[in-house]
Amino acid sequence: MSKTLLVVDDSLSMRQTLAIALRGAGYDVVEAVDGKDALGKLDGRKFNLIISDVNMPNMDGISFVKAAKALPNYRFTPIIMLTTESDATKVQAGREAGVKAWMVKPFQPPALLDAVAKLVTP
């Protein structure tokens, strides 16, 4: 059974790039345009991993992580932040919210797939 990942990014081209790399590695991908949209997709179905941007309209990535971690079905779902942000205070805020890994854009697909493989839940 394949693993399902939720990709949250306001950039269509970034979502497409991620989806191509992840689907090519055998993952099922659900896309969301921002944190608010992503929360609506956390409807009880199993996500093995979430990849989210930080800077998005409507609901930023860190607010989304806090809201997702407050939902019982997603409390233990690993989350990777994939963002242009590298500021230590943002990284720390992400970790405090429950982010497991922080990757800075632009990214190399092999490095992302390696991180996904290490964090994806059974």
N, C-alpha and C. Protein backbone atom coordinates (compact mmCIF):
# COMPACT_ATOMS: atom_id res chain seq x y z
N MET A 1 0.85 -1.19 0.00
CA MET A 1 0.00 0.00 0.00
C MET A 1 0.89 1.24 0.00
N SER A 2 0.60 2.18 -0.90
CA SER A 2 1.46 3.35 -0.99
C SER A 2 1.16 4.34 0.12
N LYS A 3 2.13 5.16 0.40
CA LYS A 3 2.03 6.18 1.44
C LYS A 3 1.43 7.45 0.84
N THR A 4 0.61 8.14 1.63
CA THR A 4 -0.02 9.37 1.17
C THR A 4 0.59 10.56 1.89
N LEU A 5 1.00 11.57 1.10
CA LEU A 5 1.62 12.77 1.63
C LEU A 5 0.75 13.98 1.30
N LEU A 6 0.71 14.94 2.21
CA LEU A 6 0.02 16.20 1.98
C LEU A 6 1.08 17.27 1.72
N VAL A 7 0.96 17.95 0.58
CA VAL A 7 1.89 19.02 0.19
C VAL A 7 1.13 20.33 0.28
N VAL A 8 1.66 21.27 1.08
CA VAL A 8 1.00 22.55 1.32
C VAL A 8 1.93 23.68 0.87
N ASP A 9 1.56 24.37 -0.20
CA ASP A 9 2.38 25.48 -0.70
C ASP A 9 1.49 26.36 -1.58
N ASP A 10 1.62 27.68 -1.42
CA ASP A 10 0.80 28.59 -2.22
C ASP A 10 1.30 28.72 -3.66
N SER A 11 2.49 28.21 -3.94
CA SER A 11 3.05 28.28 -5.29
C SER A 11 2.65 27.03 -6.08
N LEU A 12 1.89 27.23 -7.16
CA LEU A 12 1.47 26.12 -8.00
C LEU A 12 2.69 25.38 -8.56
N SER A 13 3.69 26.12 -9.04
CA SER A 13 4.87 25.47 -9.63
C SER A 13 5.61 24.64 -8.58
N MET A 14 5.67 25.12 -7.35
CA MET A 14 6.35 24.35 -6.29
C MET A 14 5.56 23.08 -5.97
N ARG A 15 4.22 23.20 -5.88
CA ARG A 15 3.39 22.01 -5.62
C ARG A 15 3.57 20.98 -6.75
N GLN A 16 3.61 21.47 -7.99
CA GLN A 16 3.78 20.56 -9.13
C GLN A 16 5.15 19.88 -9.09
N THR A 17 6.19 20.65 -8.79
CA THR A 17 7.54 20.10 -8.71
C THR A 17 7.61 19.02 -7.63
N LEU A 18 7.06 19.33 -6.46
CA LEU A 18 7.05 18.35 -5.36
C LEU A 18 6.25 17.11 -5.74
N ALA A 19 5.07 17.33 -6.33
CA ALA A 19 4.20 16.20 -6.69
C ALA A 19 4.89 15.28 -7.69
N ILE A 20 5.58 15.85 -8.68
CA ILE A 20 6.28 15.03 -9.67
C ILE A 20 7.37 14.19 -9.00
N ALA A 21 8.17 14.83 -8.14
CA ALA A 21 9.25 14.09 -7.46
C ALA A 21 8.69 13.01 -6.55
N LEU A 22 7.66 13.34 -5.79
CA LEU A 22 7.09 12.39 -4.82
C LEU A 22 6.35 11.25 -5.50
N ARG A 23 5.56 11.59 -6.52
CA ARG A 23 4.84 10.52 -7.24
C ARG A 23 5.82 9.61 -7.97
N GLY A 24 6.90 10.20 -8.48
CA GLY A 24 7.93 9.41 -9.14
C GLY A 24 8.59 8.42 -8.19
N ALA A 25 8.57 8.74 -6.89
CA ALA A 25 9.14 7.85 -5.87
C ALA A 25 8.08 6.89 -5.32
N GLY A 26 6.85 6.96 -5.87
CA GLY A 26 5.82 6.00 -5.48
C GLY A 26 4.84 6.46 -4.42
N TYR A 27 4.88 7.74 -4.07
CA TYR A 27 3.96 8.25 -3.06
C TYR A 27 2.68 8.79 -3.72
N ASP A 28 1.57 8.70 -2.98
CA ASP A 28 0.35 9.39 -3.38
C ASP A 28 0.45 10.80 -2.80
N VAL A 29 0.00 11.80 -3.56
CA VAL A 29 0.14 13.19 -3.13
C VAL A 29 -1.21 13.89 -3.16
N VAL A 30 -1.54 14.57 -2.06
CA VAL A 30 -2.69 15.46 -1.98
C VAL A 30 -2.13 16.86 -1.84
N GLU A 31 -2.65 17.81 -2.62
CA GLU A 31 -2.12 19.18 -2.60
C GLU A 31 -3.08 20.14 -1.93
N ALA A 32 -2.52 21.14 -1.24
CA ALA A 32 -3.30 22.21 -0.62
C ALA A 32 -2.60 23.53 -0.91
N VAL A 33 -3.39 24.60 -1.09
CA VAL A 33 -2.84 25.90 -1.52
C VAL A 33 -2.38 26.78 -0.36
N ASP A 34 -2.80 26.47 0.86
CA ASP A 34 -2.36 27.21 2.04
C ASP A 34 -2.76 26.42 3.28
N GLY A 35 -2.42 26.94 4.46
CA GLY A 35 -2.72 26.22 5.70
C GLY A 35 -4.20 25.98 5.91
N LYS A 36 -5.01 26.97 5.56
CA LYS A 36 -6.46 26.84 5.74
C LYS A 36 -7.01 25.71 4.86
N ASP A 37 -6.59 25.68 3.61
CA ASP A 37 -6.99 24.62 2.68
C ASP A 37 -6.51 23.26 3.20
N ALA A 38 -5.28 23.22 3.70
CA ALA A 38 -4.71 21.97 4.21
C ALA A 38 -5.50 21.45 5.41
N LEU A 39 -5.89 22.34 6.31
CA LEU A 39 -6.68 21.91 7.47
C LEU A 39 -7.98 21.25 7.02
N GLY A 40 -8.58 21.77 5.97
CA GLY A 40 -9.81 21.19 5.43
C GLY A 40 -9.60 19.78 4.88
N LYS A 41 -8.36 19.50 4.48
CA LYS A 41 -8.05 18.17 3.94
C LYS A 41 -7.70 17.17 5.04
N LEU A 42 -7.47 17.67 6.25
CA LEU A 42 -7.21 16.78 7.39
C LEU A 42 -8.56 16.33 7.95
N ASP A 43 -9.21 15.47 7.19
CA ASP A 43 -10.59 15.07 7.46
C ASP A 43 -10.70 13.67 8.04
N GLY A 44 -9.60 13.17 8.61
CA GLY A 44 -9.62 11.84 9.20
C GLY A 44 -8.87 10.81 8.38
N ARG A 45 -8.63 11.10 7.10
CA ARG A 45 -7.86 10.14 6.30
C ARG A 45 -6.40 10.14 6.75
N LYS A 46 -5.73 9.06 6.47
CA LYS A 46 -4.34 8.88 6.91
C LYS A 46 -3.38 9.60 5.98
N PHE A 47 -2.58 10.48 6.56
CA PHE A 47 -1.44 11.07 5.86
C PHE A 47 -0.19 10.57 6.57
N ASN A 48 0.75 10.03 5.81
CA ASN A 48 1.97 9.49 6.39
C ASN A 48 3.01 10.56 6.64
N LEU A 49 2.83 11.73 6.00
CA LEU A 49 3.77 12.84 6.14
C LEU A 49 3.14 14.08 5.54
N ILE A 50 3.50 15.25 6.09
CA ILE A 50 3.06 16.53 5.55
C ILE A 50 4.31 17.36 5.21
N ILE A 51 4.29 17.99 4.04
CA ILE A 51 5.35 18.92 3.65
C ILE A 51 4.67 20.27 3.48
N SER A 52 5.16 21.28 4.21
CA SER A 52 4.50 22.59 4.18
C SER A 52 5.50 23.72 4.00
N ASP A 53 5.05 24.75 3.30
CA ASP A 53 5.77 26.02 3.20
C ASP A 53 5.49 26.81 4.48
N VAL A 54 6.24 27.86 4.73
CA VAL A 54 5.98 28.73 5.89
C VAL A 54 5.15 29.94 5.47
N ASN A 55 5.62 30.68 4.47
CA ASN A 55 4.97 31.93 4.08
C ASN A 55 3.87 31.68 3.06
N MET A 56 2.61 31.74 3.55
CA MET A 56 1.45 31.53 2.69
C MET A 56 0.33 32.47 3.14
N PRO A 57 -0.58 32.81 2.22
CA PRO A 57 -1.73 33.64 2.61
C PRO A 57 -2.73 32.81 3.43
N ASN A 58 -3.67 33.47 4.04
CA ASN A 58 -4.77 32.88 4.82
C ASN A 58 -4.33 32.21 6.11
N MET A 59 -3.36 31.32 6.05
CA MET A 59 -2.79 30.69 7.25
C MET A 59 -1.37 30.26 6.93
N ASP A 60 -0.42 30.80 7.68
CA ASP A 60 0.99 30.47 7.42
C ASP A 60 1.30 29.06 7.90
N GLY A 61 2.46 28.56 7.53
CA GLY A 61 2.84 27.19 7.83
C GLY A 61 2.94 26.86 9.30
N ILE A 62 3.48 27.77 10.10
CA ILE A 62 3.63 27.48 11.52
C ILE A 62 2.27 27.44 12.21
N SER A 63 1.38 28.35 11.85
CA SER A 63 0.01 28.30 12.39
C SER A 63 -0.69 27.01 11.96
N PHE A 64 -0.46 26.59 10.72
CA PHE A 64 -1.04 25.35 10.24
C PHE A 64 -0.53 24.16 11.05
N VAL A 65 0.79 24.11 11.30
CA VAL A 65 1.37 22.99 12.06
C VAL A 65 0.74 22.93 13.45
N LYS A 66 0.62 24.08 14.11
CA LYS A 66 0.01 24.09 15.45
C LYS A 66 -1.42 23.57 15.40
N ALA A 67 -2.19 24.00 14.40
CA ALA A 67 -3.58 23.56 14.27
C ALA A 67 -3.65 22.07 13.94
N ALA A 68 -2.77 21.59 13.07
CA ALA A 68 -2.76 20.17 12.69
C ALA A 68 -2.39 19.30 13.89
N LYS A 69 -1.40 19.72 14.66
CA LYS A 69 -0.95 18.95 15.81
C LYS A 69 -2.01 18.93 16.92
N ALA A 70 -2.94 19.86 16.88
CA ALA A 70 -4.03 19.88 17.87
C ALA A 70 -5.12 18.86 17.53
N LEU A 71 -5.10 18.33 16.32
CA LEU A 71 -6.08 17.33 15.90
C LEU A 71 -5.58 15.94 16.29
N PRO A 72 -6.38 15.17 17.04
CA PRO A 72 -5.91 13.87 17.53
C PRO A 72 -5.39 12.93 16.44
N ASN A 73 -6.01 12.91 15.27
CA ASN A 73 -5.58 11.99 14.20
C ASN A 73 -4.23 12.37 13.59
N TYR A 74 -3.78 13.61 13.83
CA TYR A 74 -2.57 14.10 13.16
C TYR A 74 -1.48 14.54 14.14
N ARG A 75 -1.70 14.30 15.42
CA ARG A 75 -0.74 14.72 16.44
C ARG A 75 0.66 14.15 16.18
N PHE A 76 0.72 12.90 15.66
CA PHE A 76 2.01 12.25 15.48
C PHE A 76 2.46 12.19 14.02
N THR A 77 1.73 12.87 13.13
CA THR A 77 2.11 12.90 11.72
C THR A 77 3.36 13.77 11.56
N PRO A 78 4.43 13.22 10.99
CA PRO A 78 5.64 14.03 10.83
C PRO A 78 5.44 15.13 9.78
N ILE A 79 6.06 16.29 10.05
CA ILE A 79 5.94 17.44 9.15
C ILE A 79 7.32 17.97 8.80
N ILE A 80 7.53 18.17 7.49
CA ILE A 80 8.74 18.81 6.98
C ILE A 80 8.35 20.21 6.52
N MET A 81 9.10 21.22 6.96
CA MET A 81 8.94 22.56 6.44
C MET A 81 9.91 22.72 5.27
N LEU A 82 9.37 23.11 4.13
CA LEU A 82 10.17 23.35 2.93
C LEU A 82 9.93 24.80 2.55
N THR A 83 10.91 25.66 2.79
CA THR A 83 10.70 27.10 2.73
C THR A 83 11.95 27.86 2.34
N THR A 84 11.77 29.12 1.99
CA THR A 84 12.93 29.98 1.74
C THR A 84 13.47 30.54 3.05
N GLU A 85 12.74 30.36 4.14
CA GLU A 85 13.13 30.90 5.45
C GLU A 85 14.25 30.06 6.06
N SER A 86 15.30 30.74 6.53
CA SER A 86 16.36 30.03 7.23
C SER A 86 16.69 30.71 8.56
N ASP A 87 15.89 31.72 8.92
CA ASP A 87 16.09 32.45 10.16
C ASP A 87 15.95 31.52 11.37
N ALA A 88 16.89 31.58 12.28
CA ALA A 88 16.91 30.67 13.44
C ALA A 88 15.65 30.78 14.29
N THR A 89 15.09 31.99 14.41
CA THR A 89 13.88 32.13 15.24
C THR A 89 12.69 31.44 14.58
N LYS A 90 12.62 31.49 13.24
CA LYS A 90 11.53 30.78 12.53
C LYS A 90 11.71 29.27 12.67
N VAL A 91 12.95 28.81 12.52
CA VAL A 91 13.23 27.38 12.65
C VAL A 91 12.84 26.91 14.05
N GLN A 92 13.21 27.69 15.06
CA GLN A 92 12.88 27.34 16.44
C GLN A 92 11.37 27.33 16.66
N ALA A 93 10.67 28.32 16.10
CA ALA A 93 9.20 28.36 16.22
C ALA A 93 8.59 27.12 15.56
N GLY A 94 9.15 26.70 14.43
CA GLY A 94 8.68 25.50 13.76
C GLY A 94 8.89 24.27 14.61
N ARG A 95 10.07 24.15 15.20
CA ARG A 95 10.35 22.99 16.05
C ARG A 95 9.40 22.95 17.25
N GLU A 96 9.18 24.12 17.85
CA GLU A 96 8.27 24.18 19.00
C GLU A 96 6.85 23.81 18.61
N ALA A 97 6.47 24.10 17.36
CA ALA A 97 5.13 23.77 16.88
C ALA A 97 5.00 22.28 16.55
N GLY A 98 6.15 21.59 16.34
CA GLY A 98 6.10 20.17 16.06
C GLY A 98 6.71 19.74 14.74
N VAL A 99 7.43 20.65 14.08
CA VAL A 99 8.09 20.32 12.81
C VAL A 99 9.26 19.38 13.06
N LYS A 100 9.37 18.32 12.26
CA LYS A 100 10.44 17.33 12.43
C LYS A 100 11.69 17.66 11.62
N ALA A 101 11.53 18.34 10.47
CA ALA A 101 12.68 18.67 9.63
C ALA A 101 12.42 20.01 8.95
N TRP A 102 13.48 20.74 8.68
CA TRP A 102 13.41 22.06 8.04
C TRP A 102 14.34 22.04 6.85
N MET A 103 13.81 22.24 5.65
CA MET A 103 14.61 22.26 4.43
C MET A 103 14.42 23.61 3.75
N VAL A 104 15.51 24.14 3.22
CA VAL A 104 15.47 25.46 2.59
C VAL A 104 15.41 25.31 1.07
N LYS A 105 14.51 26.09 0.45
CA LYS A 105 14.40 26.15 -1.02
C LYS A 105 15.53 27.04 -1.53
N PRO A 106 16.04 26.82 -2.72
CA PRO A 106 15.71 25.70 -3.60
C PRO A 106 16.26 24.40 -3.02
N PHE A 107 15.60 23.30 -3.32
CA PHE A 107 15.98 22.01 -2.76
C PHE A 107 16.38 21.06 -3.88
N GLN A 108 17.12 20.04 -3.51
CA GLN A 108 17.49 18.99 -4.45
C GLN A 108 16.53 17.82 -4.21
N PRO A 109 15.80 17.38 -5.24
CA PRO A 109 14.85 16.29 -5.04
C PRO A 109 15.42 15.06 -4.32
N PRO A 110 16.65 14.61 -4.62
CA PRO A 110 17.16 13.45 -3.87
C PRO A 110 17.25 13.70 -2.36
N ALA A 111 17.64 14.90 -1.98
CA ALA A 111 17.74 15.23 -0.54
C ALA A 111 16.35 15.23 0.09
N LEU A 112 15.37 15.78 -0.62
CA LEU A 112 14.00 15.80 -0.11
C LEU A 112 13.48 14.37 0.02
N LEU A 113 13.67 13.56 -1.00
CA LEU A 113 13.17 12.18 -0.97
C LEU A 113 13.84 11.39 0.15
N ASP A 114 15.10 11.68 0.42
CA ASP A 114 15.80 11.02 1.51
C ASP A 114 15.17 11.39 2.85
N ALA A 115 14.88 12.68 3.04
CA ALA A 115 14.24 13.12 4.28
C ALA A 115 12.84 12.53 4.42
N VAL A 116 12.10 12.50 3.33
CA VAL A 116 10.75 11.91 3.34
C VAL A 116 10.84 10.45 3.75
N ALA A 117 11.74 9.70 3.14
CA ALA A 117 11.88 8.27 3.42
C ALA A 117 12.21 8.01 4.89
N LYS A 118 12.99 8.90 5.49
CA LYS A 118 13.37 8.74 6.90
C LYS A 118 12.21 9.05 7.85
N LEU A 119 11.34 9.96 7.45
CA LEU A 119 10.29 10.43 8.36
C LEU A 119 8.92 9.83 8.14
N VAL A 120 8.65 9.30 6.96
CA VAL A 120 7.31 8.83 6.65
C VAL A 120 6.89 7.72 7.64
N THR A 121 5.67 7.84 8.14
CA THR A 121 5.18 6.86 9.12
C THR A 121 4.63 5.63 8.44
N PRO A 122 4.67 4.51 9.12
CA PRO A 122 4.11 3.27 8.52
C PRO A 122 2.60 3.34 8.38
